[in-house]
Amino acid sequence: MKQLSQEYLAKMIKKQRTKKDLTQEQLSEKTGINRAMIGRMERQEYIPSIPQLEKLSQVLAFDINSLFVEDLKPTVYTAFRGSTFTRQE
């Protein structure tokens, strides 16, 4: 299953923002997202909502799908077997 990569998101926001010669404050004004939140996104401390992500992708001109990666962590299931005793045993 694919999931949003915070690392890719942080790099993409900063790369596209600097490419367009925008400060965090200017990006904040264009997207309506608080400047502090943009800073937190760039530091991988905050994941934007879907509407915020859509607005960022429009202003910074990137494809949202490029931020999703396959979850490579294996899923591990553990089963425990044991004896169950009643009071009579």
PDB file of N, CA and C in Angstrom:
ATOM      1  N   MET A   1       0.841  -1.172   0.000  1.00  0.00           N
ATOM      2  CA  MET A   1       0.000   0.000   0.000  1.00  0.00           C
ATOM      3  C   MET A   1       0.895   1.247   0.000  1.00  0.00           C
ATOM      4  N   LYS A   2       0.490   2.240  -0.747  1.00  0.00           N
ATOM      5  CA  LYS A   2       1.271   3.471  -0.815  1.00  0.00           C
ATOM      6  C   LYS A   2       0.888   4.411   0.316  1.00  0.00           C
ATOM      7  N   GLN A   3       1.883   5.168   0.750  1.00  0.00           N
ATOM      8  CA  GLN A   3       1.620   6.175   1.770  1.00  0.00           C
ATOM      9  C   GLN A   3       2.453   7.411   1.481  1.00  0.00           C
ATOM     10  N   LEU A   4       2.009   8.525   2.037  1.00  0.00           N
ATOM     11  CA  LEU A   4       2.677   9.802   1.825  1.00  0.00           C
ATOM     12  C   LEU A   4       4.048   9.784   2.489  1.00  0.00           C
ATOM     13  N   SER A   5       5.071  10.160   1.735  1.00  0.00           N
ATOM     14  CA  SER A   5       6.422  10.250   2.279  1.00  0.00           C
ATOM     15  C   SER A   5       6.654  11.663   2.797  1.00  0.00           C
ATOM     16  N   GLN A   6       6.794  11.786   4.108  1.00  0.00           N
ATOM     17  CA  GLN A   6       7.069  13.096   4.702  1.00  0.00           C
ATOM     18  C   GLN A   6       8.396  13.642   4.194  1.00  0.00           C
ATOM     19  N   GLU A   7       9.354  12.757   4.001  1.00  0.00           N
ATOM     20  CA  GLU A   7      10.670  13.179   3.513  1.00  0.00           C
ATOM     21  C   GLU A   7      10.558  13.781   2.116  1.00  0.00           C
ATOM     22  N   TYR A   8       9.863  13.092   1.211  1.00  0.00           N
ATOM     23  CA  TYR A   8       9.680  13.611  -0.152  1.00  0.00           C
ATOM     24  C   TYR A   8       8.907  14.925  -0.132  1.00  0.00           C
ATOM     25  N   LEU A   9       7.872  14.983   0.702  1.00  0.00           N
ATOM     26  CA  LEU A   9       7.066  16.196   0.799  1.00  0.00           C
ATOM     27  C   LEU A   9       7.921  17.379   1.244  1.00  0.00           C
ATOM     28  N   ALA A  10       8.706  17.194   2.291  1.00  0.00           N
ATOM     29  CA  ALA A  10       9.556  18.268   2.812  1.00  0.00           C
ATOM     30  C   ALA A  10      10.528  18.761   1.747  1.00  0.00           C
ATOM     31  N   LYS A  11      11.169  17.812   1.062  1.00  0.00           N
ATOM     32  CA  LYS A  11      12.134  18.183   0.019  1.00  0.00           C
ATOM     33  C   LYS A  11      11.448  18.886  -1.146  1.00  0.00           C
ATOM     34  N   MET A  12      10.283  18.401  -1.532  1.00  0.00           N
ATOM     35  CA  MET A  12       9.558  18.977  -2.666  1.00  0.00           C
ATOM     36  C   MET A  12       9.117  20.410  -2.368  1.00  0.00           C
ATOM     37  N   ILE A  13       8.573  20.630  -1.189  1.00  0.00           N
ATOM     38  CA  ILE A  13       8.114  21.977  -0.833  1.00  0.00           C
ATOM     39  C   ILE A  13       9.282  22.952  -0.856  1.00  0.00           C
ATOM     40  N   LYS A  14      10.370  22.579  -0.193  1.00  0.00           N
ATOM     41  CA  LYS A  14      11.515  23.494  -0.132  1.00  0.00           C
ATOM     42  C   LYS A  14      12.125  23.706  -1.517  1.00  0.00           C
ATOM     43  N   LYS A  15      12.274  22.631  -2.285  1.00  0.00           N
ATOM     44  CA  LYS A  15      12.869  22.729  -3.625  1.00  0.00           C
ATOM     45  C   LYS A  15      12.038  23.636  -4.526  1.00  0.00           C
ATOM     46  N   GLN A  16      10.732  23.381  -4.586  1.00  0.00           N
ATOM     47  CA  GLN A  16       9.864  24.160  -5.463  1.00  0.00           C
ATOM     48  C   GLN A  16       9.712  25.604  -4.974  1.00  0.00           C
ATOM     49  N   ARG A  17       9.683  25.790  -3.661  1.00  0.00           N
ATOM     50  CA  ARG A  17       9.561  27.139  -3.107  1.00  0.00           C
ATOM     51  C   ARG A  17      10.790  27.970  -3.464  1.00  0.00           C
ATOM     52  N   THR A  18      11.983  27.396  -3.292  1.00  0.00           N
ATOM     53  CA  THR A  18      13.205  28.144  -3.612  1.00  0.00           C
ATOM     54  C   THR A  18      13.371  28.315  -5.121  1.00  0.00           C
ATOM     55  N   LYS A  19      12.929  27.326  -5.886  1.00  0.00           N
ATOM     56  CA  LYS A  19      12.980  27.428  -7.352  1.00  0.00           C
ATOM     57  C   LYS A  19      12.132  28.603  -7.838  1.00  0.00           C
ATOM     58  N   LYS A  20      10.996  28.825  -7.185  1.00  0.00           N
ATOM     59  CA  LYS A  20      10.104  29.935  -7.547  1.00  0.00           C
ATOM     60  C   LYS A  20      10.483  31.221  -6.812  1.00  0.00           C
ATOM     61  N   ASP A  21      11.595  31.154  -6.073  1.00  0.00           N
ATOM     62  CA  ASP A  21      12.118  32.315  -5.349  1.00  0.00           C
ATOM     63  C   ASP A  21      11.086  32.896  -4.379  1.00  0.00           C
ATOM     64  N   LEU A  22      10.448  31.997  -3.627  1.00  0.00           N
ATOM     65  CA  LEU A  22       9.448  32.405  -2.637  1.00  0.00           C
ATOM     66  C   LEU A  22       9.982  32.182  -1.227  1.00  0.00           C
ATOM     67  N   THR A  23       9.662  33.092  -0.339  1.00  0.00           N
ATOM     68  CA  THR A  23       9.943  32.871   1.079  1.00  0.00           C
ATOM     69  C   THR A  23       8.789  32.043   1.645  1.00  0.00           C
ATOM     70  N   GLN A  24       8.975  31.539   2.853  1.00  0.00           N
ATOM     71  CA  GLN A  24       7.878  30.821   3.500  1.00  0.00           C
ATOM     72  C   GLN A  24       6.685  31.751   3.692  1.00  0.00           C
ATOM     73  N   GLU A  25       6.947  32.989   3.999  1.00  0.00           N
ATOM     74  CA  GLU A  25       5.875  33.972   4.198  1.00  0.00           C
ATOM     75  C   GLU A  25       5.094  34.198   2.906  1.00  0.00           C
ATOM     76  N   GLN A  26       5.797  34.316   1.781  1.00  0.00           N
ATOM     77  CA  GLN A  26       5.126  34.513   0.489  1.00  0.00           C
ATOM     78  C   GLN A  26       4.310  33.283   0.109  1.00  0.00           C
ATOM     79  N   LEU A  27       4.866  32.098   0.368  1.00  0.00           N
ATOM     80  CA  LEU A  27       4.126  30.870   0.086  1.00  0.00           C
ATOM     81  C   LEU A  27       2.888  30.797   0.973  1.00  0.00           C
ATOM     82  N   SER A  28       3.021  31.243   2.197  1.00  0.00           N
ATOM     83  CA  SER A  28       1.898  31.279   3.122  1.00  0.00           C
ATOM     84  C   SER A  28       0.770  32.147   2.572  1.00  0.00           C
ATOM     85  N   GLU A  29       1.115  33.306   2.054  1.00  0.00           N
ATOM     86  CA  GLU A  29       0.115  34.219   1.493  1.00  0.00           C
ATOM     87  C   GLU A  29      -0.571  33.620   0.271  1.00  0.00           C
ATOM     88  N   LYS A  30       0.182  32.907  -0.562  1.00  0.00           N
ATOM     89  CA  LYS A  30      -0.382  32.327  -1.785  1.00  0.00           C
ATOM     90  C   LYS A  30      -1.267  31.108  -1.512  1.00  0.00           C
ATOM     91  N   THR A  31      -0.954  30.371  -0.445  1.00  0.00           N
ATOM     92  CA  THR A  31      -1.693  29.143  -0.160  1.00  0.00           C
ATOM     93  C   THR A  31      -2.724  29.283   0.951  1.00  0.00           C
ATOM     94  N   GLY A  32      -2.575  30.308   1.786  1.00  0.00           N
ATOM     95  CA  GLY A  32      -3.459  30.441   2.940  1.00  0.00           C
ATOM     96  C   GLY A  32      -3.062  29.526   4.084  1.00  0.00           C
ATOM     97  N   ILE A  33      -1.876  28.928   3.991  1.00  0.00           N
ATOM     98  CA  ILE A  33      -1.365  28.047   5.043  1.00  0.00           C
ATOM     99  C   ILE A  33      -0.424  28.866   5.920  1.00  0.00           C
ATOM    100  N   ASN A  34      -0.579  28.749   7.209  1.00  0.00           N
ATOM    101  CA  ASN A  34       0.252  29.481   8.161  1.00  0.00           C
ATOM    102  C   ASN A  34       1.738  29.255   7.877  1.00  0.00           C
ATOM    103  N   ARG A  35       2.543  30.321   7.951  1.00  0.00           N
ATOM    104  CA  ARG A  35       3.973  30.234   7.669  1.00  0.00           C
ATOM    105  C   ARG A  35       4.674  29.235   8.582  1.00  0.00           C
ATOM    106  N   ALA A  36       4.287  29.196   9.838  1.00  0.00           N
ATOM    107  CA  ALA A  36       4.891  28.252  10.784  1.00  0.00           C
ATOM    108  C   ALA A  36       4.624  26.807  10.359  1.00  0.00           C
ATOM    109  N   MET A  37       3.421  26.547   9.820  1.00  0.00           N
ATOM    110  CA  MET A  37       3.094  25.199   9.350  1.00  0.00           C
ATOM    111  C   MET A  37       3.956  24.820   8.143  1.00  0.00           C
ATOM    112  N   ILE A  38       4.210  25.775   7.271  1.00  0.00           N
ATOM    113  CA  ILE A  38       5.069  25.515   6.112  1.00  0.00           C
ATOM    114  C   ILE A  38       6.472  25.158   6.589  1.00  0.00           C
ATOM    115  N   GLY A  39       6.973  25.895   7.569  1.00  0.00           N
ATOM    116  CA  GLY A  39       8.280  25.582   8.144  1.00  0.00           C
ATOM    117  C   GLY A  39       8.308  24.195   8.757  1.00  0.00           C
ATOM    118  N   ARG A  40       7.246  23.840   9.452  1.00  0.00           N
ATOM    119  CA  ARG A  40       7.162  22.498  10.060  1.00  0.00           C
ATOM    120  C   ARG A  40       7.094  21.412   8.998  1.00  0.00           C
ATOM    121  N   MET A  41       6.408  21.673   7.887  1.00  0.00           N
ATOM    122  CA  MET A  41       6.371  20.698   6.786  1.00  0.00           C
ATOM    123  C   MET A  41       7.772  20.478   6.231  1.00  0.00           C
ATOM    124  N   GLU A  42       8.518  21.568   6.055  1.00  0.00           N
ATOM    125  CA  GLU A  42       9.872  21.470   5.504  1.00  0.00           C
ATOM    126  C   GLU A  42      10.825  20.747   6.454  1.00  0.00           C
ATOM    127  N   ARG A  43      10.494  20.715   7.738  1.00  0.00           N
ATOM    128  CA  ARG A  43      11.315  20.006   8.730  1.00  0.00           C
ATOM    129  C   ARG A  43      10.745  18.620   9.051  1.00  0.00           C
ATOM    130  N   GLN A  44       9.753  18.187   8.298  1.00  0.00           N
ATOM    131  CA  GLN A  44       9.112  16.880   8.472  1.00  0.00           C
ATOM    132  C   GLN A  44       8.438  16.742   9.838  1.00  0.00           C
ATOM    133  N   GLU A  45       7.881  17.835  10.335  1.00  0.00           N
ATOM    134  CA  GLU A  45       7.216  17.820  11.634  1.00  0.00           C
ATOM    135  C   GLU A  45       5.699  17.929  11.524  1.00  0.00           C
ATOM    136  N   TYR A  46       5.189  18.091  10.308  1.00  0.00           N
ATOM    137  CA  TYR A  46       3.750  18.296  10.127  1.00  0.00           C
ATOM    138  C   TYR A  46       3.340  17.741   8.773  1.00  0.00           C
ATOM    139  N   ILE A  47       2.237  17.013   8.750  1.00  0.00           N
ATOM    140  CA  ILE A  47       1.680  16.500   7.496  1.00  0.00           C
ATOM    141  C   ILE A  47       0.443  17.338   7.180  1.00  0.00           C
ATOM    142  N   PRO A  48       0.404  17.960   6.005  1.00  0.00           N
ATOM    143  CA  PRO A  48      -0.741  18.818   5.672  1.00  0.00           C
ATOM    144  C   PRO A  48      -2.005  18.012   5.409  1.00  0.00           C
ATOM    145  N   SER A  49      -3.131  18.685   5.545  1.00  0.00           N
ATOM    146  CA  SER A  49      -4.414  18.072   5.197  1.00  0.00           C
ATOM    147  C   SER A  49      -4.479  17.944   3.671  1.00  0.00           C
ATOM    148  N   ILE A  50      -5.448  17.219   3.176  1.00  0.00           N
ATOM    149  CA  ILE A  50      -5.593  17.052   1.724  1.00  0.00           C
ATOM    150  C   ILE A  50      -5.831  18.389   1.030  1.00  0.00           C
ATOM    151  N   PRO A  51      -6.725  19.250   1.533  1.00  0.00           N
ATOM    152  CA  PRO A  51      -6.887  20.558   0.883  1.00  0.00           C
ATOM    153  C   PRO A  51      -5.596  21.390   0.890  1.00  0.00           C
ATOM    154  N   GLN A  52      -4.838  21.328   1.985  1.00  0.00           N
ATOM    155  CA  GLN A  52      -3.565  22.048   2.038  1.00  0.00           C
ATOM    156  C   GLN A  52      -2.581  21.481   1.017  1.00  0.00           C
ATOM    157  N   LEU A  53      -2.535  20.165   0.917  1.00  0.00           N
ATOM    158  CA  LEU A  53      -1.642  19.507  -0.035  1.00  0.00           C
ATOM    159  C   LEU A  53      -2.003  19.885  -1.468  1.00  0.00           C
ATOM    160  N   GLU A  54      -3.301  19.928  -1.767  1.00  0.00           N
ATOM    161  CA  GLU A  54      -3.753  20.326  -3.106  1.00  0.00           C
ATOM    162  C   GLU A  54      -3.351  21.765  -3.415  1.00  0.00           C
ATOM    163  N   LYS A  55      -3.515  22.655  -2.446  1.00  0.00           N
ATOM    164  CA  LYS A  55      -3.154  24.062  -2.651  1.00  0.00           C
ATOM    165  C   LYS A  55      -1.649  24.199  -2.879  1.00  0.00           C
ATOM    166  N   LEU A  56      -0.855  23.500  -2.088  1.00  0.00           N
ATOM    167  CA  LEU A  56       0.604  23.527  -2.261  1.00  0.00           C
ATOM    168  C   LEU A  56       0.999  23.029  -3.645  1.00  0.00           C
ATOM    169  N   SER A  57       0.368  21.948  -4.089  1.00  0.00           N
ATOM    170  CA  SER A  57       0.719  21.387  -5.401  1.00  0.00           C
ATOM    171  C   SER A  57       0.345  22.337  -6.532  1.00  0.00           C
ATOM    172  N   GLN A  58      -0.737  23.088  -6.368  1.00  0.00           N
ATOM    173  CA  GLN A  58      -1.133  24.065  -7.391  1.00  0.00           C
ATOM    174  C   GLN A  58      -0.156  25.235  -7.444  1.00  0.00           C
ATOM    175  N   VAL A  59       0.165  25.787  -6.296  1.00  0.00           N
ATOM    176  CA  VAL A  59       1.044  26.964  -6.238  1.00  0.00           C
ATOM    177  C   VAL A  59       2.483  26.607  -6.610  1.00  0.00           C
ATOM    178  N   LEU A  60       2.951  25.445  -6.144  1.00  0.00           N
ATOM    179  CA  LEU A  60       4.345  25.063  -6.384  1.00  0.00           C
ATOM    180  C   LEU A  60       4.531  24.182  -7.620  1.00  0.00           C
ATOM    181  N   ALA A  61       3.438  23.828  -8.278  1.00  0.00           N
ATOM    182  CA  ALA A  61       3.473  23.050  -9.526  1.00  0.00           C
ATOM    183  C   ALA A  61       4.210  21.720  -9.385  1.00  0.00           C
ATOM    184  N   PHE A  62       3.668  20.852  -8.522  1.00  0.00           N
ATOM    185  CA  PHE A  62       4.198  19.489  -8.442  1.00  0.00           C
ATOM    186  C   PHE A  62       3.038  18.509  -8.403  1.00  0.00           C
ATOM    187  N   ASP A  63       3.331  17.272  -8.765  1.00  0.00           N
ATOM    188  CA  ASP A  63       2.324  16.220  -8.812  1.00  0.00           C
ATOM    189  C   ASP A  63       2.226  15.549  -7.440  1.00  0.00           C
ATOM    190  N   ILE A  64       1.056  15.571  -6.863  1.00  0.00           N
ATOM    191  CA  ILE A  64       0.850  14.962  -5.544  1.00  0.00           C
ATOM    192  C   ILE A  64       1.222  13.482  -5.560  1.00  0.00           C
ATOM    193  N   ASN A  65       0.926  12.793  -6.649  1.00  0.00           N
ATOM    194  CA  ASN A  65       1.209  11.360  -6.724  1.00  0.00           C
ATOM    195  C   ASN A  65       2.689  11.037  -6.553  1.00  0.00           C
ATOM    196  N   SER A  66       3.561  11.989  -6.880  1.00  0.00           N
ATOM    197  CA  SER A  66       5.001  11.741  -6.749  1.00  0.00           C
ATOM    198  C   SER A  66       5.439  11.656  -5.289  1.00  0.00           C
ATOM    199  N   LEU A  67       4.579  12.052  -4.372  1.00  0.00           N
ATOM    200  CA  LEU A  67       4.915  12.048  -2.949  1.00  0.00           C
ATOM    201  C   LEU A  67       4.567  10.737  -2.262  1.00  0.00           C
ATOM    202  N   PHE A  68       3.882   9.855  -2.971  1.00  0.00           N
ATOM    203  CA  PHE A  68       3.464   8.592  -2.379  1.00  0.00           C
ATOM    204  C   PHE A  68       4.427   7.480  -2.760  1.00  0.00           C
ATOM    205  N   VAL A  69       4.824   6.703  -1.768  1.00  0.00           N
ATOM    206  CA  VAL A  69       5.762   5.601  -1.978  1.00  0.00           C
ATOM    207  C   VAL A  69       5.162   4.323  -1.404  1.00  0.00           C
ATOM    208  N   GLU A  70       5.657   3.216  -1.907  1.00  0.00           N
ATOM    209  CA  GLU A  70       5.222   1.927  -1.373  1.00  0.00           C
ATOM    210  C   GLU A  70       5.722   1.786   0.058  1.00  0.00           C
ATOM    211  N   ASP A  71       4.887   1.262   0.906  1.00  0.00           N
ATOM    212  CA  ASP A  71       5.284   0.993   2.284  1.00  0.00           C
ATOM    213  C   ASP A  71       6.150  -0.255   2.263  1.00  0.00           C
ATOM    214  N   LEU A  72       7.435  -0.081   2.494  1.00  0.00           N
ATOM    215  CA  LEU A  72       8.367  -1.197   2.395  1.00  0.00           C
ATOM    216  C   LEU A  72       8.575  -1.917   3.718  1.00  0.00           C
ATOM    217  N   LYS A  73       7.950  -1.427   4.766  1.00  0.00           N
ATOM    218  CA  LYS A  73       8.091  -2.082   6.059  1.00  0.00           C
ATOM    219  C   LYS A  73       7.256  -3.360   6.054  1.00  0.00           C
ATOM    220  N   PRO A  74       7.871  -4.463   6.395  1.00  0.00           N
ATOM    221  CA  PRO A  74       7.091  -5.704   6.413  1.00  0.00           C
ATOM    222  C   PRO A  74       6.088  -5.698   7.564  1.00  0.00           C
ATOM    223  N   THR A  75       4.966  -6.292   7.318  1.00  0.00           N
ATOM    224  CA  THR A  75       3.964  -6.432   8.360  1.00  0.00           C
ATOM    225  C   THR A  75       4.227  -7.737   9.082  1.00  0.00           C
ATOM    226  N   VAL A  76       4.402  -7.669  10.373  1.00  0.00           N
ATOM    227  CA  VAL A  76       4.719  -8.856  11.160  1.00  0.00           C
ATOM    228  C   VAL A  76       3.539  -9.154  12.077  1.00  0.00           C
ATOM    229  N   TYR A  77       3.112 -10.380  12.028  1.00  0.00           N
ATOM    230  CA  TYR A  77       2.035 -10.830  12.900  1.00  0.00           C
ATOM    231  C   TYR A  77       2.620 -11.841  13.875  1.00  0.00           C
ATOM    232  N   THR A  78       2.226 -11.764  15.116  1.00  0.00           N
ATOM    233  CA  THR A  78       2.718 -12.684  16.127  1.00  0.00           C
ATOM    234  C   THR A  78       1.533 -13.415  16.730  1.00  0.00           C
ATOM    235  N   ALA A  79       1.663 -14.721  16.791  1.00  0.00           N
ATOM    236  CA  ALA A  79       0.620 -15.540  17.396  1.00  0.00           C
ATOM    237  C   ALA A  79       1.195 -16.182  18.649  1.00  0.00           C
ATOM    238  N   PHE A  80       0.467 -16.105  19.717  1.00  0.00           N
ATOM    239  CA  PHE A  80       0.904 -16.710  20.967  1.00  0.00           C
ATOM    240  C   PHE A  80       0.036 -17.930  21.234  1.00  0.00           C
ATOM    241  N   ARG A  81       0.699 -18.995  21.601  1.00  0.00           N
ATOM    242  CA  ARG A  81      -0.027 -20.205  21.964  1.00  0.00           C
ATOM    243  C   ARG A  81       0.298 -20.506  23.412  1.00  0.00           C
ATOM    244  N   GLY A  82      -0.677 -20.892  24.099  1.00  0.00           N
ATOM    245  CA  GLY A  82      -0.439 -21.208  25.504  1.00  0.00           C
ATOM    246  C   GLY A  82      -1.541 -22.101  26.030  1.00  0.00           C
ATOM    247  N   SER A  83      -1.358 -22.488  27.227  1.00  0.00           N
ATOM    248  CA  SER A  83      -2.356 -23.339  27.871  1.00  0.00           C
ATOM    249  C   SER A  83      -3.285 -22.474  28.707  1.00  0.00           C
ATOM    250  N   THR A  84      -4.516 -22.847  28.688  1.00  0.00           N
ATOM    251  CA  THR A  84      -5.497 -22.162  29.505  1.00  0.00           C
ATOM    252  C   THR A  84      -5.976 -23.145  30.558  1.00  0.00           C
ATOM    253  N   PHE A  85      -5.900 -22.730  31.784  1.00  0.00           N
ATOM    254  CA  PHE A  85      -6.315 -23.605  32.870  1.00  0.00           C
ATOM    255  C   PHE A  85      -7.580 -23.059  33.512  1.00  0.00           C
ATOM    256  N   THR A  86      -8.410 -23.979  33.932  1.00  0.00           N
ATOM    257  CA  THR A  86      -9.600 -23.586  34.679  1.00  0.00           C
ATOM    258  C   THR A  86      -9.309 -23.785  36.160  1.00  0.00           C
ATOM    259  N   ARG A  87     -10.203 -23.385  37.009  1.00  0.00           N
ATOM    260  CA  ARG A  87      -9.996 -23.540  38.454  1.00  0.00           C
ATOM    261  C   ARG A  87      -9.915 -25.008  38.853  1.00  0.00           C
ATOM    262  N   GLN A  88     -10.519 -25.865  38.089  1.00  0.00           N
ATOM    263  CA  GLN A  88     -10.549 -27.282  38.432  1.00  0.00           C
ATOM    264  C   GLN A  88      -9.235 -27.974  38.094  1.00  0.00           C
ATOM    265  N   GLU A  89      -8.410 -27.375  37.276  1.00  0.00           N
ATOM    266  CA  GLU A  89      -7.183 -28.059  36.860  1.00  0.00           C
ATOM    267  C   GLU A  89      -6.081 -27.816  37.820  1.00  0.00           C
TER     268      GLU A  89
END
